[in-house]
C-alpha atoms as a PDB file:
ATOM      1  CA  UNK A   1      -1.589  -9.839   6.737  1.00  0.00           C
ATOM      2  CA  UNK A   2      -3.126 -13.272   7.867  1.00  0.00           C
ATOM      3  CA  UNK A   3      -7.021 -11.849   7.286  1.00  0.00           C
ATOM      4  CA  UNK A   4      -5.166 -10.594   3.388  1.00  0.00           C
ATOM      5  CA  UNK A   5      -3.365 -13.941   2.828  1.00  0.00           C
ATOM      6  CA  UNK A   6      -6.434 -15.564   3.071  1.00  0.00           C
ATOM      7  CA  UNK A   7      -8.626 -12.974   1.475  1.00  0.00           C
ATOM      8  CA  UNK A   8      -6.183 -12.781  -1.510  1.00  0.00           C
ATOM      9  CA  UNK A   9      -5.401 -16.311  -1.516  1.00  0.00           C
ATOM     10  CA  UNK A  10      -9.391 -16.500  -1.996  1.00  0.00           C
ATOM     11  CA  UNK A  11      -8.957 -13.933  -4.652  1.00  0.00           C
ATOM     12  CA  UNK A  12     -11.699 -12.492  -3.161  1.00  0.00           C
ATOM     13  CA  UNK A  13     -11.810  -8.108  -2.606  1.00  0.00           C
ATOM     14  CA  UNK A  14     -12.201  -6.512   0.759  1.00  0.00           C
ATOM     15  CA  UNK A  15     -15.525  -6.004  -0.751  1.00  0.00           C
ATOM     16  CA  UNK A  16     -16.105  -9.512  -1.170  1.00  0.00           C
ATOM     17  CA  UNK A  17     -14.817 -10.298   2.884  1.00  0.00           C
ATOM     18  CA  UNK A  18     -16.874  -7.548   4.499  1.00  0.00           C
ATOM     19  CA  UNK A  19     -20.001  -8.282   2.369  1.00  0.00           C
ATOM     20  CA  UNK A  20     -19.548 -12.478   3.422  1.00  0.00           C
ATOM     21  CA  UNK A  21     -18.228 -12.059   7.127  1.00  0.00           C
ATOM     22  CA  UNK A  22     -20.966  -8.817   8.331  1.00  0.00           C
ATOM     23  CA  UNK A  23     -18.932  -6.375   8.614  1.00  0.00           C
ATOM     24  CA  UNK A  24     -17.827  -2.925   6.568  1.00  0.00           C
ATOM     25  CA  UNK A  25     -15.231  -2.616   4.483  1.00  0.00           C
ATOM     26  CA  UNK A  26     -13.519  -0.145   6.670  1.00  0.00           C
ATOM     27  CA  UNK A  27     -13.250  -2.921   9.592  1.00  0.00           C
ATOM     28  CA  UNK A  28     -11.662  -4.624   6.945  1.00  0.00           C
ATOM     29  CA  UNK A  29      -9.829  -1.450   5.059  1.00  0.00           C
ATOM     30  CA  UNK A  30      -8.049  -0.718   8.998  1.00  0.00           C
ATOM     31  CA  UNK A  31      -7.810  -4.647  10.736  1.00  0.00           C
ATOM     32  CA  UNK A  32      -5.653  -5.707   7.107  1.00  0.00           C
ATOM     33  CA  UNK A  33      -4.002  -1.980   8.393  1.00  0.00           C
ATOM     34  CA  UNK A  34      -2.561  -3.565  11.405  1.00  0.00           C
ATOM     35  CA  UNK A  35      -4.876  -1.993  13.630  1.00  0.00           C
ATOM     36  CA  UNK A  36      -6.635  -4.102  15.810  1.00  0.00           C
ATOM     37  CA  UNK A  37      -9.949  -5.813  15.701  1.00  0.00           C
ATOM     38  CA  UNK A  38     -12.530  -7.065  18.609  1.00  0.00           C
ATOM     39  CA  UNK A  39     -13.331 -10.614  19.528  1.00  0.00           C
ATOM     40  CA  UNK A  40     -16.880 -10.833  17.459  1.00  0.00           C
ATOM     41  CA  UNK A  41     -15.357  -9.149  14.255  1.00  0.00           C
ATOM     42  CA  UNK A  42     -12.427 -11.997  14.056  1.00  0.00           C
ATOM     43  CA  UNK A  43     -14.557 -14.213  14.878  1.00  0.00           C
ATOM     44  CA  UNK A  44     -17.385 -13.635  12.123  1.00  0.00           C
ATOM     45  CA  UNK A  45     -13.663 -13.707   9.292  1.00  0.00           C
ATOM     46  CA  UNK A  46     -13.012 -16.981  11.505  1.00  0.00           C
ATOM     47  CA  UNK A  47     -16.417 -18.718  10.081  1.00  0.00           C
ATOM     48  CA  UNK A  48     -15.443 -16.852   6.225  1.00  0.00           C
ATOM     49  CA  UNK A  49     -12.493 -18.334   6.369  1.00  0.00           C
ATOM     50  CA  UNK A  50     -13.570 -21.544   8.333  1.00  0.00           C
ATOM     51  CA  UNK A  51     -10.163 -21.231  10.085  1.00  0.00           C
ATOM     52  CA  UNK A  52     -10.072 -21.494  13.448  1.00  0.00           C
ATOM     53  CA  UNK A  53     -10.827 -18.417  16.519  1.00  0.00           C
ATOM     54  CA  UNK A  54      -6.903 -18.873  17.728  1.00  0.00           C
ATOM     55  CA  UNK A  55      -5.570 -18.837  14.255  1.00  0.00           C
ATOM     56  CA  UNK A  56      -7.004 -15.295  13.246  1.00  0.00           C
ATOM     57  CA  UNK A  57      -5.561 -14.359  17.121  1.00  0.00           C
ATOM     58  CA  UNK A  58      -2.312 -14.800  17.295  1.00  0.00           C
ATOM     59  CA  UNK A  59      -2.219 -12.207  14.826  1.00  0.00           C
ATOM     60  CA  UNK A  60      -4.036  -9.664  16.646  1.00  0.00           C
ATOM     61  CA  UNK A  61      -2.049 -10.628  20.085  1.00  0.00           C
ATOM     62  CA  UNK A  62       0.179  -7.531  21.602  1.00  0.00           C
ATOM     63  CA  UNK A  63       3.549  -7.144  23.069  1.00  0.00           C
ATOM     64  CA  UNK A  64       2.906  -5.841  26.636  1.00  0.00           C
ATOM     65  CA  UNK A  65       6.280  -3.678  26.495  1.00  0.00           C
ATOM     66  CA  UNK A  66       5.741  -2.229  23.546  1.00  0.00           C
ATOM     67  CA  UNK A  67       2.069  -2.427  22.927  1.00  0.00           C
ATOM     68  CA  UNK A  68       3.261  -2.977  19.515  1.00  0.00           C
ATOM     69  CA  UNK A  69       2.151  -6.445  17.904  1.00  0.00           C
ATOM     70  CA  UNK A  70       4.112  -9.019  18.000  1.00  0.00           C
ATOM     71  CA  UNK A  71       5.431 -10.572  14.529  1.00  0.00           C
ATOM     72  CA  UNK A  72       8.005 -13.026  13.843  1.00  0.00           C
ATOM     73  CA  UNK A  73      10.506 -12.012  10.345  1.00  0.00           C
ATOM     74  CA  UNK A  74       8.398 -13.537   7.879  1.00  0.00           C
ATOM     75  CA  UNK A  75       5.375 -11.493   9.030  1.00  0.00           C
ATOM     76  CA  UNK A  76       7.684  -8.578   8.093  1.00  0.00           C
ATOM     77  CA  UNK A  77       9.016  -9.045   5.489  1.00  0.00           C
ATOM     78  CA  UNK A  78       4.469 -10.255   3.844  1.00  0.00           C
ATOM     79  CA  UNK A  79       3.849  -6.489   5.264  1.00  0.00           C
ATOM     80  CA  UNK A  80       6.668  -4.989   2.941  1.00  0.00           C
ATOM     81  CA  UNK A  81       5.942  -7.187  -0.054  1.00  0.00           C
ATOM     82  CA  UNK A  82       2.081  -5.949  -0.130  1.00  0.00           C
ATOM     83  CA  UNK A  83       3.526  -2.752   0.628  1.00  0.00           C
ATOM     84  CA  UNK A  84       5.830  -2.871  -2.302  1.00  0.00           C
ATOM     85  CA  UNK A  85       2.750  -4.697  -4.993  1.00  0.00           C
ATOM     86  CA  UNK A  86       0.221  -2.043  -3.443  1.00  0.00           C
ATOM     87  CA  UNK A  87       3.107   1.332  -4.132  1.00  0.00           C
ATOM     88  CA  UNK A  88       3.779  -0.558  -7.867  1.00  0.00           C
ATOM     89  CA  UNK A  89      -0.713  -0.346  -8.844  1.00  0.00           C
ATOM     90  CA  UNK A  90      -0.461   3.972  -7.159  1.00  0.00           C
ATOM     91  CA  UNK A  91       2.761   4.346  -9.214  1.00  0.00           C
ATOM     92  CA  UNK A  92       0.839   1.974 -12.964  1.00  0.00           C
ATOM     93  CA  UNK A  93      -2.321   3.721 -12.401  1.00  0.00           C
ATOM     94  CA  UNK A  94      -0.341   6.962 -11.894  1.00  0.00           C
ATOM     95  CA  UNK A  95       1.098   6.337 -15.107  1.00  0.00           C
ATOM     96  CA  UNK A  96      -1.740   5.073 -17.056  1.00  0.00           C
ATOM     97  CA  UNK A  97      -3.644   8.267 -16.286  1.00  0.00           C
ATOM     98  CA  UNK A  98      -0.948  10.028 -16.985  1.00  0.00           C
ATOM     99  CA  UNK A  99      -1.137   8.619 -20.512  1.00  0.00           C
ATOM    100  CA  UNK A 100      -4.409   8.926 -21.298  1.00  0.00           C
ATOM    101  CA  UNK A 101      -4.768  12.706 -20.075  1.00  0.00           C
ATOM    102  CA  UNK A 102      -2.011  13.685 -21.868  1.00  0.00           C
ATOM    103  CA  UNK A 103      -3.051  11.827 -25.442  1.00  0.00           C
ATOM    104  CA  UNK A 104      -6.158  13.570 -24.831  1.00  0.00           C
ATOM    105  CA  UNK A 105      -5.003  17.427 -24.097  1.00  0.00           C
ATOM    106  CA  UNK A 106      -2.303  16.328 -27.398  1.00  0.00           C
ATOM    107  CA  UNK A 107      -5.537  15.914 -29.368  1.00  0.00           C
ATOM    108  CA  UNK A 108      -7.962  18.542 -28.661  1.00  0.00           C
ATOM    109  CA  UNK A 109      -4.643  20.737 -29.182  1.00  0.00           C
ATOM    110  CA  UNK A 110      -3.252  19.896 -32.300  1.00  0.00           C
ATOM    111  CA  UNK A 111      -7.740  19.533 -33.652  1.00  0.00           C
ATOM    112  CA  UNK A 112      -8.028  23.537 -31.649  1.00  0.00           C
ATOM    113  CA  UNK A 113      -4.663  24.979 -32.559  1.00  0.00           C
ATOM    114  CA  UNK A 114      -2.435  23.060 -34.525  1.00  0.00           C
ATOM    115  CA  UNK A 115       0.143  25.937 -34.125  1.00  0.00           C
ATOM    116  CA  UNK A 116       0.876  26.331 -30.184  1.00  0.00           C
ATOM    117  CA  UNK A 117       1.994  22.912 -28.565  1.00  0.00           C
ATOM    118  CA  UNK A 118       0.340  23.737 -25.153  1.00  0.00           C
ATOM    119  CA  UNK A 119      -0.412  20.546 -24.018  1.00  0.00           C
ATOM    120  CA  UNK A 120       4.071  19.700 -23.972  1.00  0.00           C
ATOM    121  CA  UNK A 121       3.403  21.697 -20.484  1.00  0.00           C
ATOM    122  CA  UNK A 122       0.669  19.642 -19.261  1.00  0.00           C
ATOM    123  CA  UNK A 123       2.729  17.023 -20.209  1.00  0.00           C
ATOM    124  CA  UNK A 124       5.938  18.327 -19.060  1.00  0.00           C
ATOM    125  CA  UNK A 125       5.332  19.736 -15.150  1.00  0.00           C
ATOM    126  CA  UNK A 126       3.325  15.737 -14.629  1.00  0.00           C
ATOM    127  CA  UNK A 127       6.194  14.281 -16.325  1.00  0.00           C
ATOM    128  CA  UNK A 128       8.684  15.668 -13.481  1.00  0.00           C
ATOM    129  CA  UNK A 129       5.601  13.967 -11.528  1.00  0.00           C
ATOM    130  CA  UNK A 130       5.234  11.154 -12.516  1.00  0.00           C
ATOM    131  CA  UNK A 131       9.187  10.959 -12.981  1.00  0.00           C
ATOM    132  CA  UNK A 132       9.386  10.729  -8.732  1.00  0.00           C
ATOM    133  CA  UNK A 133       6.789   8.963  -7.996  1.00  0.00           C
ATOM    134  CA  UNK A 134       9.146   5.817 -10.154  1.00  0.00           C
ATOM    135  CA  UNK A 135      11.867   7.168  -8.645  1.00  0.00           C
ATOM    136  CA  UNK A 136       9.764   6.215  -5.164  1.00  0.00           C
ATOM    137  CA  UNK A 137       8.370   3.649  -6.342  1.00  0.00           C
ATOM    138  CA  UNK A 138      11.387   2.025  -8.053  1.00  0.00           C
ATOM    139  CA  UNK A 139      13.962   3.109  -6.170  1.00  0.00           C
ATOM    140  CA  UNK A 140      15.136   0.250  -2.764  1.00  0.00           C
ATOM    141  CA  UNK A 141      15.272   3.783  -0.291  1.00  0.00           C
ATOM    142  CA  UNK A 142      13.775   5.916  -0.120  1.00  0.00           C
ATOM    143  CA  UNK A 143      14.986   9.560  -0.496  1.00  0.00           C
ATOM    144  CA  UNK A 144      14.817  11.357   3.825  1.00  0.00           C
ATOM    145  CA  UNK A 145      13.811   7.893   4.044  1.00  0.00           C
ATOM    146  CA  UNK A 146      13.940   6.035   8.248  1.00  0.00           C
ATOM    147  CA  UNK A 147      16.554   4.066   6.648  1.00  0.00           C
ATOM    148  CA  UNK A 148      18.093   7.228   5.693  1.00  0.00           C
ATOM    149  CA  UNK A 149      16.982   8.996   8.983  1.00  0.00           C
ATOM    150  CA  UNK A 150      18.364   5.788  10.996  1.00  0.00           C
ATOM    151  CA  UNK A 151      22.097   6.599   9.543  1.00  0.00           C
ATOM    152  CA  UNK A 152      22.166   9.629  10.118  1.00  0.00           C
ATOM    153  CA  UNK A 153      21.376   8.847  13.709  1.00  0.00           C
ATOM    154  CA  UNK A 154      23.972   6.142  13.725  1.00  0.00           C
ATOM    155  CA  UNK A 155      26.685   8.485  12.464  1.00  0.00           C
ATOM    156  CA  UNK A 156      25.760  11.466  14.723  1.00  0.00           C
ATOM    157  CA  UNK A 157      26.187   8.750  17.614  1.00  0.00           C
ATOM    158  CA  UNK A 158      29.758   8.012  16.135  1.00  0.00           C
ATOM    159  CA  UNK A 159      28.195   3.933  15.628  1.00  0.00           C
ATOM    160  CA  UNK A 160      29.503   2.090  12.420  1.00  0.00           C
ATOM    161  CA  UNK A 161      26.872   1.230  10.359  1.00  0.00           C
END
């Protein structure tokens, strides 16, 4: 997450960071998604951001027992915040697409056959999908998500929630 934070502080896209560091865009995406990076890759990124290599390398230190990155509470909160913003962006893009396409279909419908408003079927069907997308994005707990699973396991084992 440190690399993504540094990139966003400079207002760079992943493409701009890839170009500046001489890396592939997909490599930047993988690193920001939490996959481990090679030493050479981290050195390239550290040079671009003008930070010490060890700063970036600490982020990729693996826990020997779990083989997962060691993260503190602040990193977890930051990761959750970035994920929430990605979900928000996805919903708003979906909403804009819906409005533009349905408006276009309505215009075509009113020009071609104004007596039968068939665009309403598309608006209704897609609207249900958009509504579900909004529910998943804005509800605090995802329906049948990890929190629900954890609660069900605790209930099954007879532990207090």
